[in-house]
Amino acid sequence: MDFVRAIKFPLDDENWITKVVVGTLLNLIPIFGLGYTVGVARNVIQGKARPLPGTEDLGQVITDGIMATIAGIVYALPALLVGCVIGIFSSIVGDSDAGGLMVACLGMFVSLASLIYAIPATAMFWMGVMRYTESGNFSDFVQFGSLLRDVRKHVGVLVMLLLYVLAVGLLAALVSPLLIVTCVGILVLGFWVQVAYGHLIGQAALEIEQGR
């Protein structure tokens, strides 16, 4: 996987300024951001020389964003439900010292469990994105048993993907203080991160395909 390529690929597009401006504006709506992530991943998998979606691809970007957003909600449901249970429990036990201690301990346990859950869930979501880019079927996101088997089979590639995704986030965190003085700069950075994620997912899919 090529980390530098994932960061700089938009600049290789002769229409990159228009595409980045449009993408940055649309990225204000989270659904569009995910749509661009999926769209870039699809284009990388298909071997397109210019994988950044253009204005002619906005219909597909919207569809991809809706599908990925619904899938993300499905994967987040266990954590959301547990959070609701803790909220109800804390309201029942009240503000007593014993009740507060119980809620604190339970919260720590749930936070740890959520982190442990989030890692394989994220890997399964990525695998779902890879499958969805080929078929266009939402069902590819929710074939949990099959996705989990694929995650176990390709754990090395997915760990590398995770490390690169974290590296993109770290790089964005380092750059953001320099851009925060301009609203435009920080907005462009947010879009750039989304498409970099998509490029990395596409690269990971190609490595998995080559390893079969």
N, C-alpha and C. Protein backbone atom coordinates (compact mmCIF):
# COMPACT_ATOMS: atom_id res chain seq x y z
N MET A 1 0.84 -1.20 0.00
CA MET A 1 0.00 0.00 0.00
C MET A 1 0.88 1.25 0.00
N ASP A 2 0.45 2.25 -0.74
CA ASP A 2 1.23 3.47 -0.93
C ASP A 2 0.56 4.63 -0.20
N PHE A 3 1.12 4.98 0.97
CA PHE A 3 0.54 6.04 1.81
C PHE A 3 0.62 7.40 1.11
N VAL A 4 1.79 7.70 0.55
CA VAL A 4 1.99 9.00 -0.11
C VAL A 4 1.02 9.15 -1.27
N ARG A 5 0.84 8.08 -2.03
CA ARG A 5 -0.08 8.11 -3.17
C ARG A 5 -1.50 8.45 -2.71
N ALA A 6 -1.91 7.88 -1.58
CA ALA A 6 -3.26 8.13 -1.07
C ALA A 6 -3.45 9.58 -0.67
N ILE A 7 -2.37 10.24 -0.27
CA ILE A 7 -2.45 11.63 0.16
C ILE A 7 -2.45 12.59 -1.04
N LYS A 8 -1.62 12.31 -2.03
CA LYS A 8 -1.41 13.28 -3.10
C LYS A 8 -2.17 13.00 -4.39
N PHE A 9 -2.92 11.89 -4.45
CA PHE A 9 -3.54 11.54 -5.73
C PHE A 9 -4.49 12.60 -6.29
N PRO A 10 -5.22 13.37 -5.46
CA PRO A 10 -6.11 14.38 -6.07
C PRO A 10 -5.36 15.38 -6.94
N LEU A 11 -4.10 15.66 -6.61
CA LEU A 11 -3.32 16.65 -7.35
C LEU A 11 -2.95 16.17 -8.75
N ASP A 12 -3.07 14.87 -8.98
CA ASP A 12 -2.74 14.33 -10.31
C ASP A 12 -3.87 14.52 -11.31
N ASP A 13 -5.02 14.98 -10.82
CA ASP A 13 -6.18 15.20 -11.68
C ASP A 13 -6.16 16.62 -12.22
N GLU A 14 -6.24 16.76 -13.53
CA GLU A 14 -6.18 18.10 -14.12
C GLU A 14 -7.36 18.97 -13.69
N ASN A 15 -8.45 18.36 -13.25
CA ASN A 15 -9.62 19.10 -12.77
C ASN A 15 -9.73 19.08 -11.25
N TRP A 16 -8.59 18.91 -10.58
CA TRP A 16 -8.64 18.69 -9.14
C TRP A 16 -9.21 19.88 -8.37
N ILE A 17 -8.97 21.09 -8.84
CA ILE A 17 -9.47 22.26 -8.10
C ILE A 17 -10.99 22.26 -8.07
N THR A 18 -11.62 22.06 -9.22
CA THR A 18 -13.08 22.02 -9.28
C THR A 18 -13.63 20.87 -8.45
N LYS A 19 -13.03 19.70 -8.58
CA LYS A 19 -13.51 18.53 -7.86
C LYS A 19 -13.36 18.70 -6.35
N VAL A 20 -12.25 19.29 -5.91
CA VAL A 20 -12.03 19.49 -4.48
C VAL A 20 -12.97 20.55 -3.92
N VAL A 21 -13.20 21.61 -4.69
CA VAL A 21 -14.12 22.66 -4.22
C VAL A 21 -15.53 22.09 -4.06
N VAL A 22 -16.00 21.37 -5.09
CA VAL A 22 -17.35 20.78 -5.02
C VAL A 22 -17.42 19.75 -3.89
N GLY A 23 -16.40 18.90 -3.81
CA GLY A 23 -16.38 17.88 -2.77
C GLY A 23 -16.33 18.46 -1.37
N THR A 24 -15.57 19.54 -1.20
CA THR A 24 -15.47 20.19 0.11
C THR A 24 -16.82 20.75 0.55
N LEU A 25 -17.54 21.37 -0.38
CA LEU A 25 -18.85 21.91 -0.05
C LEU A 25 -19.84 20.80 0.30
N LEU A 26 -19.83 19.74 -0.50
CA LEU A 26 -20.74 18.63 -0.26
C LEU A 26 -20.38 17.86 1.00
N ASN A 27 -19.11 17.87 1.37
CA ASN A 27 -18.66 17.15 2.55
C ASN A 27 -19.22 17.73 3.84
N LEU A 28 -19.80 18.92 3.75
CA LEU A 28 -20.48 19.50 4.91
C LEU A 28 -21.65 18.63 5.34
N ILE A 29 -22.17 17.84 4.41
CA ILE A 29 -23.22 16.87 4.71
C ILE A 29 -22.52 15.50 4.81
N PRO A 30 -22.49 14.88 6.00
CA PRO A 30 -21.71 13.66 6.21
C PRO A 30 -21.97 12.56 5.18
N ILE A 31 -23.19 12.45 4.71
CA ILE A 31 -23.52 11.41 3.74
C ILE A 31 -22.64 11.54 2.49
N PHE A 32 -22.42 12.77 2.06
CA PHE A 32 -21.60 12.99 0.87
C PHE A 32 -20.15 12.59 1.12
N GLY A 33 -19.65 12.86 2.33
CA GLY A 33 -18.28 12.49 2.65
C GLY A 33 -18.06 11.00 2.51
N LEU A 34 -18.96 10.21 3.07
CA LEU A 34 -18.85 8.76 2.94
C LEU A 34 -19.02 8.33 1.49
N GLY A 35 -19.87 9.04 0.76
CA GLY A 35 -20.07 8.72 -0.65
C GLY A 35 -18.78 8.89 -1.44
N TYR A 36 -18.04 9.96 -1.14
CA TYR A 36 -16.75 10.16 -1.80
C TYR A 36 -15.75 9.08 -1.41
N THR A 37 -15.76 8.69 -0.15
CA THR A 37 -14.86 7.62 0.30
C THR A 37 -15.11 6.35 -0.49
N VAL A 38 -16.38 5.95 -0.60
CA VAL A 38 -16.73 4.75 -1.34
C VAL A 38 -16.42 4.92 -2.83
N GLY A 39 -16.73 6.09 -3.37
CA GLY A 39 -16.49 6.33 -4.79
C GLY A 39 -15.02 6.25 -5.16
N VAL A 40 -14.16 6.83 -4.34
CA VAL A 40 -12.72 6.75 -4.60
C VAL A 40 -12.25 5.31 -4.49
N ALA A 41 -12.73 4.59 -3.48
CA ALA A 41 -12.34 3.18 -3.33
C ALA A 41 -12.72 2.39 -4.57
N ARG A 42 -13.93 2.60 -5.08
CA ARG A 42 -14.39 1.89 -6.29
C ARG A 42 -13.48 2.21 -7.48
N ASN A 43 -13.17 3.47 -7.66
CA ASN A 43 -12.36 3.88 -8.81
C ASN A 43 -10.94 3.33 -8.73
N VAL A 44 -10.39 3.27 -7.52
CA VAL A 44 -9.06 2.68 -7.35
C VAL A 44 -9.10 1.19 -7.69
N ILE A 45 -10.11 0.49 -7.19
CA ILE A 45 -10.26 -0.93 -7.46
C ILE A 45 -10.40 -1.19 -8.96
N GLN A 46 -11.11 -0.31 -9.64
CA GLN A 46 -11.32 -0.46 -11.08
C GLN A 46 -10.13 0.02 -11.90
N GLY A 47 -9.11 0.54 -11.23
CA GLY A 47 -7.90 0.94 -11.92
C GLY A 47 -7.99 2.24 -12.69
N LYS A 48 -8.91 3.11 -12.32
CA LYS A 48 -9.05 4.39 -13.02
C LYS A 48 -7.88 5.31 -12.69
N ALA A 49 -7.36 5.97 -13.71
CA ALA A 49 -6.20 6.84 -13.53
C ALA A 49 -6.53 8.07 -12.70
N ARG A 50 -7.77 8.52 -12.74
CA ARG A 50 -8.22 9.70 -12.00
C ARG A 50 -9.38 9.27 -11.09
N PRO A 51 -9.07 8.75 -9.91
CA PRO A 51 -10.11 8.15 -9.07
C PRO A 51 -11.01 9.13 -8.31
N LEU A 52 -10.68 10.43 -8.35
CA LEU A 52 -11.51 11.39 -7.63
C LEU A 52 -12.79 11.66 -8.41
N PRO A 53 -13.98 11.36 -7.83
CA PRO A 53 -15.24 11.56 -8.55
C PRO A 53 -15.46 13.02 -8.95
N GLY A 54 -16.07 13.21 -10.11
CA GLY A 54 -16.38 14.55 -10.59
C GLY A 54 -17.85 14.87 -10.44
N THR A 55 -18.26 16.01 -10.95
CA THR A 55 -19.66 16.42 -10.81
C THR A 55 -20.60 15.48 -11.55
N GLU A 56 -20.11 14.82 -12.59
CA GLU A 56 -20.95 13.87 -13.32
C GLU A 56 -21.22 12.60 -12.52
N ASP A 57 -20.49 12.42 -11.42
CA ASP A 57 -20.65 11.23 -10.59
C ASP A 57 -21.45 11.48 -9.32
N LEU A 58 -22.04 12.67 -9.19
CA LEU A 58 -22.68 13.04 -7.93
C LEU A 58 -23.85 12.13 -7.58
N GLY A 59 -24.57 11.66 -8.58
CA GLY A 59 -25.68 10.74 -8.31
C GLY A 59 -25.19 9.48 -7.63
N GLN A 60 -24.08 8.93 -8.13
CA GLN A 60 -23.51 7.73 -7.53
C GLN A 60 -22.93 8.03 -6.15
N VAL A 61 -22.35 9.22 -6.00
CA VAL A 61 -21.81 9.62 -4.69
C VAL A 61 -22.91 9.66 -3.64
N ILE A 62 -24.07 10.21 -4.02
CA ILE A 62 -25.19 10.27 -3.08
C ILE A 62 -25.66 8.87 -2.71
N THR A 63 -25.82 8.01 -3.71
CA THR A 63 -26.25 6.64 -3.44
C THR A 63 -25.26 5.91 -2.55
N ASP A 64 -23.98 6.02 -2.87
CA ASP A 64 -22.95 5.37 -2.07
C ASP A 64 -22.97 5.90 -0.63
N GLY A 65 -23.14 7.21 -0.50
CA GLY A 65 -23.15 7.81 0.83
C GLY A 65 -24.31 7.32 1.67
N ILE A 66 -25.48 7.21 1.06
CA ILE A 66 -26.66 6.72 1.79
C ILE A 66 -26.45 5.28 2.23
N MET A 67 -25.97 4.44 1.32
CA MET A 67 -25.75 3.03 1.65
C MET A 67 -24.72 2.87 2.76
N ALA A 68 -23.61 3.61 2.64
CA ALA A 68 -22.55 3.50 3.64
C ALA A 68 -22.98 4.06 4.99
N THR A 69 -23.78 5.11 4.98
CA THR A 69 -24.27 5.70 6.22
C THR A 69 -25.20 4.73 6.95
N ILE A 70 -26.12 4.12 6.21
CA ILE A 70 -27.02 3.14 6.83
C ILE A 70 -26.22 1.97 7.39
N ALA A 71 -25.23 1.51 6.64
CA ALA A 71 -24.40 0.41 7.11
C ALA A 71 -23.64 0.82 8.38
N GLY A 72 -23.13 2.04 8.40
CA GLY A 72 -22.42 2.52 9.59
C GLY A 72 -23.32 2.55 10.82
N ILE A 73 -24.56 2.96 10.62
CA ILE A 73 -25.52 2.97 11.73
C ILE A 73 -25.77 1.55 12.23
N VAL A 74 -25.92 0.61 11.29
CA VAL A 74 -26.13 -0.79 11.67
C VAL A 74 -24.97 -1.29 12.53
N TYR A 75 -23.75 -0.99 12.11
CA TYR A 75 -22.58 -1.45 12.86
C TYR A 75 -22.45 -0.74 14.21
N ALA A 76 -22.97 0.47 14.30
CA ALA A 76 -22.88 1.22 15.56
C ALA A 76 -24.00 0.88 16.54
N LEU A 77 -25.03 0.16 16.07
CA LEU A 77 -26.19 -0.11 16.92
C LEU A 77 -25.85 -0.77 18.26
N PRO A 78 -25.01 -1.81 18.29
CA PRO A 78 -24.70 -2.42 19.60
C PRO A 78 -24.17 -1.41 20.61
N ALA A 79 -23.25 -0.55 20.20
CA ALA A 79 -22.70 0.45 21.12
C ALA A 79 -23.76 1.46 21.52
N LEU A 80 -24.61 1.85 20.57
CA LEU A 80 -25.67 2.82 20.88
C LEU A 80 -26.67 2.24 21.88
N LEU A 81 -27.03 0.99 21.68
CA LEU A 81 -27.98 0.34 22.58
C LEU A 81 -27.42 0.21 23.99
N VAL A 82 -26.15 -0.16 24.09
CA VAL A 82 -25.51 -0.28 25.40
C VAL A 82 -25.45 1.09 26.07
N GLY A 83 -25.16 2.13 25.30
CA GLY A 83 -25.14 3.48 25.86
C GLY A 83 -26.50 3.89 26.40
N CYS A 84 -27.55 3.53 25.69
CA CYS A 84 -28.91 3.82 26.17
C CYS A 84 -29.21 3.10 27.47
N VAL A 85 -28.78 1.84 27.56
CA VAL A 85 -29.01 1.05 28.78
C VAL A 85 -28.29 1.69 29.97
N ILE A 86 -27.06 2.15 29.74
CA ILE A 86 -26.31 2.79 30.82
C ILE A 86 -27.00 4.08 31.25
N GLY A 87 -27.51 4.83 30.27
CA GLY A 87 -28.22 6.05 30.59
C GLY A 87 -29.45 5.80 31.44
N ILE A 88 -30.21 4.77 31.08
CA ILE A 88 -31.41 4.41 31.85
C ILE A 88 -31.02 3.96 33.24
N PHE A 89 -29.95 3.13 33.32
CA PHE A 89 -29.51 2.61 34.61
C PHE A 89 -29.05 3.74 35.53
N SER A 90 -28.31 4.71 34.98
CA SER A 90 -27.82 5.82 35.80
C SER A 90 -28.97 6.68 36.33
N SER A 91 -30.04 6.81 35.53
CA SER A 91 -31.18 7.58 35.99
C SER A 91 -31.95 6.85 37.08
N ILE A 92 -31.88 5.51 37.07
CA ILE A 92 -32.59 4.72 38.08
C ILE A 92 -31.86 4.76 39.41
N VAL A 93 -30.52 4.59 39.37
CA VAL A 93 -29.76 4.52 40.62
C VAL A 93 -29.63 5.88 41.29
N GLY A 94 -29.83 6.95 40.52
CA GLY A 94 -29.80 8.28 41.11
C GLY A 94 -28.39 8.78 41.37
N ASP A 95 -28.28 9.74 42.30
CA ASP A 95 -27.01 10.42 42.56
C ASP A 95 -26.31 9.90 43.80
N SER A 96 -26.70 8.76 44.34
CA SER A 96 -26.05 8.23 45.52
C SER A 96 -24.61 7.85 45.21
N ASP A 97 -23.78 7.79 46.26
CA ASP A 97 -22.36 7.45 46.08
C ASP A 97 -22.21 6.05 45.50
N ALA A 98 -22.96 5.11 46.03
CA ALA A 98 -22.88 3.73 45.55
C ALA A 98 -23.34 3.64 44.10
N GLY A 99 -24.44 4.32 43.80
CA GLY A 99 -24.95 4.31 42.44
C GLY A 99 -23.99 4.95 41.47
N GLY A 100 -23.37 6.06 41.88
CA GLY A 100 -22.41 6.73 41.02
C GLY A 100 -21.19 5.86 40.75
N LEU A 101 -20.75 5.14 41.78
CA LEU A 101 -19.60 4.25 41.61
C LEU A 101 -19.93 3.12 40.65
N MET A 102 -21.13 2.57 40.79
CA MET A 102 -21.56 1.49 39.90
C MET A 102 -21.62 1.97 38.44
N VAL A 103 -22.17 3.15 38.25
CA VAL A 103 -22.27 3.70 36.90
C VAL A 103 -20.89 3.96 36.32
N ALA A 104 -19.97 4.49 37.16
CA ALA A 104 -18.62 4.76 36.69
C ALA A 104 -17.90 3.48 36.28
N CYS A 105 -18.01 2.45 37.11
CA CYS A 105 -17.37 1.17 36.80
C CYS A 105 -17.97 0.55 35.53
N LEU A 106 -19.29 0.62 35.46
CA LEU A 106 -19.97 0.07 34.28
C LEU A 106 -19.58 0.85 33.03
N GLY A 107 -19.45 2.16 33.16
CA GLY A 107 -19.05 2.97 32.03
C GLY A 107 -17.66 2.64 31.54
N MET A 108 -16.73 2.41 32.48
CA MET A 108 -15.36 2.03 32.11
C MET A 108 -15.35 0.69 31.38
N PHE A 109 -16.12 -0.26 31.90
CA PHE A 109 -16.19 -1.58 31.28
C PHE A 109 -16.77 -1.49 29.87
N VAL A 110 -17.83 -0.72 29.73
CA VAL A 110 -18.48 -0.59 28.43
C VAL A 110 -17.55 0.13 27.44
N SER A 111 -16.81 1.13 27.91
CA SER A 111 -15.87 1.84 27.04
C SER A 111 -14.82 0.89 26.50
N LEU A 112 -14.29 0.03 27.37
CA LEU A 112 -13.30 -0.96 26.95
C LEU A 112 -13.91 -1.95 25.97
N ALA A 113 -15.11 -2.43 26.30
CA ALA A 113 -15.79 -3.38 25.42
C ALA A 113 -16.11 -2.76 24.06
N SER A 114 -16.48 -1.48 24.06
CA SER A 114 -16.80 -0.79 22.81
C SER A 114 -15.56 -0.66 21.93
N LEU A 115 -14.41 -0.41 22.57
CA LEU A 115 -13.16 -0.32 21.81
C LEU A 115 -12.81 -1.66 21.19
N ILE A 116 -12.97 -2.72 21.97
CA ILE A 116 -12.68 -4.06 21.47
C ILE A 116 -13.63 -4.42 20.32
N TYR A 117 -14.89 -3.99 20.44
CA TYR A 117 -15.87 -4.26 19.39
C TYR A 117 -15.59 -3.43 18.14
N ALA A 118 -15.15 -2.19 18.35
CA ALA A 118 -15.00 -1.26 17.23
C ALA A 118 -13.95 -1.72 16.23
N ILE A 119 -12.91 -2.39 16.69
CA ILE A 119 -11.83 -2.78 15.77
C ILE A 119 -12.31 -3.81 14.75
N PRO A 120 -12.87 -4.95 15.17
CA PRO A 120 -13.37 -5.88 14.15
C PRO A 120 -14.57 -5.34 13.38
N ALA A 121 -15.40 -4.53 14.04
CA ALA A 121 -16.56 -3.96 13.34
C ALA A 121 -16.11 -3.03 12.22
N THR A 122 -15.08 -2.23 12.49
CA THR A 122 -14.55 -1.35 11.46
C THR A 122 -13.95 -2.14 10.31
N ALA A 123 -13.22 -3.21 10.64
CA ALA A 123 -12.63 -4.06 9.60
C ALA A 123 -13.72 -4.70 8.74
N MET A 124 -14.80 -5.15 9.38
CA MET A 124 -15.91 -5.73 8.64
C MET A 124 -16.59 -4.69 7.76
N PHE A 125 -16.71 -3.47 8.26
CA PHE A 125 -17.30 -2.39 7.46
C PHE A 125 -16.45 -2.13 6.23
N TRP A 126 -15.13 -2.10 6.41
CA TRP A 126 -14.24 -1.90 5.26
C TRP A 126 -14.39 -3.01 4.23
N MET A 127 -14.47 -4.25 4.73
CA MET A 127 -14.67 -5.37 3.82
C MET A 127 -15.99 -5.22 3.09
N GLY A 128 -17.00 -4.73 3.81
CA GLY A 128 -18.29 -4.49 3.19
C GLY A 128 -18.21 -3.44 2.11
N VAL A 129 -17.44 -2.38 2.34
CA VAL A 129 -17.24 -1.34 1.32
C VAL A 129 -16.60 -1.95 0.07
N MET A 130 -15.59 -2.79 0.28
CA MET A 130 -14.90 -3.42 -0.86
C MET A 130 -15.87 -4.26 -1.69
N ARG A 131 -16.71 -5.02 -1.01
CA ARG A 131 -17.69 -5.85 -1.72
C ARG A 131 -18.74 -4.99 -2.41
N TYR A 132 -19.20 -3.96 -1.69
CA TYR A 132 -20.27 -3.10 -2.23
C TYR A 132 -19.80 -2.38 -3.49
N THR A 133 -18.53 -1.97 -3.53
CA THR A 133 -18.04 -1.25 -4.72
C THR A 133 -18.10 -2.12 -5.96
N GLU A 134 -18.09 -3.44 -5.79
CA GLU A 134 -18.14 -4.34 -6.93
C GLU A 134 -19.57 -4.68 -7.32
N SER A 135 -20.44 -4.84 -6.33
CA SER A 135 -21.80 -5.31 -6.61
C SER A 135 -22.85 -4.21 -6.59
N GLY A 136 -22.65 -3.19 -5.76
CA GLY A 136 -23.66 -2.15 -5.59
C GLY A 136 -24.82 -2.59 -4.73
N ASN A 137 -24.70 -3.74 -4.06
CA ASN A 137 -25.78 -4.28 -3.23
C ASN A 137 -25.53 -3.97 -1.76
N PHE A 138 -26.51 -3.37 -1.09
CA PHE A 138 -26.38 -3.07 0.33
C PHE A 138 -26.16 -4.34 1.15
N SER A 139 -26.71 -5.45 0.70
CA SER A 139 -26.61 -6.70 1.46
C SER A 139 -25.16 -7.10 1.72
N ASP A 140 -24.23 -6.62 0.90
CA ASP A 140 -22.82 -6.95 1.11
C ASP A 140 -22.28 -6.37 2.41
N PHE A 141 -22.93 -5.34 2.93
CA PHE A 141 -22.50 -4.74 4.19
C PHE A 141 -22.92 -5.59 5.39
N VAL A 142 -23.95 -6.39 5.24
CA VAL A 142 -24.56 -7.03 6.41
C VAL A 142 -24.47 -8.56 6.37
N GLN A 143 -23.62 -9.09 5.54
CA GLN A 143 -23.35 -10.53 5.55
C GLN A 143 -22.26 -10.79 6.58
N PHE A 144 -22.65 -10.67 7.85
CA PHE A 144 -21.69 -10.59 8.95
C PHE A 144 -20.78 -11.81 9.04
N GLY A 145 -21.34 -12.99 8.91
CA GLY A 145 -20.53 -14.19 9.01
C GLY A 145 -19.46 -14.26 7.94
N SER A 146 -19.85 -13.98 6.72
CA SER A 146 -18.91 -14.01 5.60
C SER A 146 -17.88 -12.91 5.73
N LEU A 147 -18.31 -11.74 6.16
CA LEU A 147 -17.38 -10.62 6.34
C LEU A 147 -16.35 -10.92 7.42
N LEU A 148 -16.81 -11.53 8.52
CA LEU A 148 -15.89 -11.86 9.60
C LEU A 148 -14.86 -12.89 9.15
N ARG A 149 -15.28 -13.84 8.34
CA ARG A 149 -14.33 -14.82 7.82
C ARG A 149 -13.28 -14.15 6.93
N ASP A 150 -13.73 -13.19 6.12
CA ASP A 150 -12.79 -12.47 5.27
C ASP A 150 -11.82 -11.63 6.10
N VAL A 151 -12.31 -11.04 7.18
CA VAL A 151 -11.44 -10.26 8.06
C VAL A 151 -10.36 -11.15 8.66
N ARG A 152 -10.74 -12.33 9.12
CA ARG A 152 -9.75 -13.25 9.68
C ARG A 152 -8.74 -13.70 8.63
N LYS A 153 -9.21 -13.89 7.43
CA LYS A 153 -8.35 -14.39 6.35
C LYS A 153 -7.35 -13.33 5.90
N HIS A 154 -7.77 -12.06 5.95
CA HIS A 154 -6.93 -10.98 5.42
C HIS A 154 -6.54 -9.99 6.52
N VAL A 155 -6.34 -10.51 7.70
CA VAL A 155 -6.09 -9.64 8.85
C VAL A 155 -4.82 -8.80 8.66
N GLY A 156 -3.81 -9.35 8.00
CA GLY A 156 -2.57 -8.59 7.80
C GLY A 156 -2.80 -7.33 6.99
N VAL A 157 -3.51 -7.45 5.88
CA VAL A 157 -3.80 -6.28 5.04
C VAL A 157 -4.65 -5.28 5.80
N LEU A 158 -5.61 -5.76 6.56
CA LEU A 158 -6.52 -4.86 7.27
C LEU A 158 -5.81 -4.15 8.42
N VAL A 159 -4.87 -4.82 9.07
CA VAL A 159 -4.08 -4.15 10.11
C VAL A 159 -3.26 -3.03 9.49
N MET A 160 -2.66 -3.30 8.34
CA MET A 160 -1.90 -2.27 7.64
C MET A 160 -2.81 -1.11 7.24
N LEU A 161 -4.01 -1.44 6.77
CA LEU A 161 -4.98 -0.40 6.42
C LEU A 161 -5.31 0.45 7.64
N LEU A 162 -5.53 -0.20 8.77
CA LEU A 162 -5.84 0.52 10.01
C LEU A 162 -4.70 1.47 10.38
N LEU A 163 -3.48 1.00 10.27
CA LEU A 163 -2.32 1.83 10.62
C LEU A 163 -2.23 3.05 9.70
N TYR A 164 -2.48 2.84 8.41
CA TYR A 164 -2.42 3.95 7.47
C TYR A 164 -3.56 4.93 7.70
N VAL A 165 -4.74 4.41 8.02
CA VAL A 165 -5.87 5.30 8.32
C VAL A 165 -5.56 6.15 9.56
N LEU A 166 -4.98 5.52 10.57
CA LEU A 166 -4.60 6.27 11.78
C LEU A 166 -3.53 7.31 11.44
N ALA A 167 -2.62 6.95 10.53
CA ALA A 167 -1.57 7.89 10.13
C ALA A 167 -2.16 9.10 9.42
N VAL A 168 -3.18 8.87 8.58
CA VAL A 168 -3.86 9.99 7.92
C VAL A 168 -4.50 10.90 8.96
N GLY A 169 -5.16 10.29 9.94
CA GLY A 169 -5.78 11.08 11.00
C GLY A 169 -4.76 11.88 11.79
N LEU A 170 -3.61 11.25 12.08
CA LEU A 170 -2.55 11.95 12.82
C LEU A 170 -1.99 13.10 12.00
N LEU A 171 -1.77 12.86 10.71
CA LEU A 171 -1.27 13.92 9.84
C LEU A 171 -2.25 15.08 9.77
N ALA A 172 -3.53 14.75 9.67
CA ALA A 172 -4.56 15.80 9.64
C ALA A 172 -4.57 16.59 10.94
N ALA A 173 -4.38 15.90 12.07
CA ALA A 173 -4.36 16.58 13.36
C ALA A 173 -3.17 17.53 13.47
N LEU A 174 -2.04 17.14 12.86
CA LEU A 174 -0.86 18.00 12.90
C LEU A 174 -1.01 19.22 12.00
N VAL A 175 -1.69 19.03 10.88
CA VAL A 175 -1.85 20.12 9.92
C VAL A 175 -2.97 21.07 10.30
N SER A 176 -4.00 20.55 10.95
CA SER A 176 -5.20 21.34 11.22
C SER A 176 -4.94 22.65 11.98
N PRO A 177 -4.01 22.71 12.96
CA PRO A 177 -3.79 24.01 13.62
C PRO A 177 -3.32 25.10 12.67
N LEU A 178 -2.64 24.69 11.59
CA LEU A 178 -2.16 25.66 10.61
C LEU A 178 -3.28 26.16 9.71
N LEU A 179 -4.35 25.34 9.61
CA LEU A 179 -5.44 25.67 8.69
C LEU A 179 -6.67 26.22 9.40
N ILE A 180 -6.71 26.07 10.73
CA ILE A 180 -7.93 26.42 11.45
C ILE A 180 -8.22 27.92 11.41
N VAL A 181 -7.18 28.72 11.14
CA VAL A 181 -7.40 30.16 11.05
C VAL A 181 -8.25 30.53 9.85
N THR A 182 -8.31 29.61 8.88
CA THR A 182 -9.18 29.83 7.71
C THR A 182 -10.22 28.73 7.66
N CYS A 183 -11.45 29.09 7.68
CA CYS A 183 -12.52 28.08 7.63
C CYS A 183 -12.39 27.21 6.39
N VAL A 184 -11.99 27.83 5.28
CA VAL A 184 -11.88 27.09 4.03
C VAL A 184 -10.84 25.99 4.14
N GLY A 185 -9.69 26.32 4.71
CA GLY A 185 -8.60 25.34 4.82
C GLY A 185 -8.99 24.11 5.61
N ILE A 186 -9.66 24.30 6.73
CA ILE A 186 -10.04 23.16 7.57
C ILE A 186 -11.12 22.33 6.89
N LEU A 187 -11.98 22.97 6.11
CA LEU A 187 -13.02 22.24 5.39
C LEU A 187 -12.41 21.39 4.27
N VAL A 188 -11.44 21.95 3.57
CA VAL A 188 -10.75 21.20 2.52
C VAL A 188 -10.03 20.01 3.13
N LEU A 189 -9.41 20.20 4.28
CA LEU A 189 -8.71 19.11 4.96
C LEU A 189 -9.66 17.98 5.28
N GLY A 190 -10.86 18.31 5.75
CA GLY A 190 -11.84 17.27 6.07
C GLY A 190 -12.21 16.44 4.86
N PHE A 191 -12.37 17.10 3.72
CA PHE A 191 -12.68 16.37 2.49
C PHE A 191 -11.48 15.54 2.05
N TRP A 192 -10.30 16.10 2.15
CA TRP A 192 -9.09 15.40 1.72
C TRP A 192 -8.90 14.10 2.52
N VAL A 193 -9.20 14.16 3.81
CA VAL A 193 -9.10 12.97 4.66
C VAL A 193 -10.05 11.88 4.18
N GLN A 194 -11.28 12.28 3.84
CA GLN A 194 -12.27 11.30 3.38
C GLN A 194 -11.81 10.58 2.12
N VAL A 195 -11.28 11.33 1.16
CA VAL A 195 -10.88 10.69 -0.10
C VAL A 195 -9.59 9.89 0.09
N ALA A 196 -8.74 10.32 1.01
CA ALA A 196 -7.53 9.53 1.31
C ALA A 196 -7.92 8.19 1.90
N TYR A 197 -8.92 8.18 2.79
CA TYR A 197 -9.43 6.92 3.34
C TYR A 197 -9.91 6.01 2.20
N GLY A 198 -10.65 6.59 1.28
CA GLY A 198 -11.17 5.81 0.16
C GLY A 198 -10.06 5.21 -0.67
N HIS A 199 -9.01 5.98 -0.92
CA HIS A 199 -7.89 5.48 -1.72
C HIS A 199 -7.20 4.31 -1.00
N LEU A 200 -7.04 4.43 0.29
CA LEU A 200 -6.41 3.36 1.07
C LEU A 200 -7.26 2.09 1.07
N ILE A 201 -8.57 2.26 1.21
CA ILE A 201 -9.47 1.10 1.16
C ILE A 201 -9.38 0.42 -0.20
N GLY A 202 -9.35 1.22 -1.27
CA GLY A 202 -9.20 0.67 -2.61
C GLY A 202 -7.89 -0.08 -2.76
N GLN A 203 -6.80 0.48 -2.25
CA GLN A 203 -5.51 -0.19 -2.32
C GLN A 203 -5.55 -1.52 -1.56
N ALA A 204 -6.17 -1.49 -0.39
CA ALA A 204 -6.26 -2.72 0.40
C ALA A 204 -7.04 -3.80 -0.36
N ALA A 205 -8.12 -3.38 -1.03
CA ALA A 205 -8.92 -4.34 -1.80
C ALA A 205 -8.10 -4.96 -2.92
N LEU A 206 -7.26 -4.17 -3.57
CA LEU A 206 -6.42 -4.69 -4.63
C LEU A 206 -5.40 -5.68 -4.09
N GLU A 207 -4.84 -5.38 -2.93
CA GLU A 207 -3.88 -6.31 -2.32
C GLU A 207 -4.56 -7.62 -1.95
N ILE A 208 -5.77 -7.53 -1.44
CA ILE A 208 -6.51 -8.75 -1.10
C ILE A 208 -6.79 -9.56 -2.35
N GLU A 209 -7.19 -8.88 -3.41
CA GLU A 209 -7.49 -9.56 -4.68
C GLU A 209 -6.23 -10.23 -5.25
N GLN A 210 -5.11 -9.55 -5.16
CA GLN A 210 -3.86 -10.11 -5.69
C GLN A 210 -3.39 -11.32 -4.89
N GLY A 211 -3.77 -11.34 -3.58
CA GLY A 211 -3.34 -12.44 -2.72
C GLY A 211 -4.18 -13.69 -2.85
N ARG A 212 -5.28 -13.60 -3.59
CA ARG A 212 -6.17 -14.76 -3.73
C ARG A 212 -5.67 -15.73 -4.79
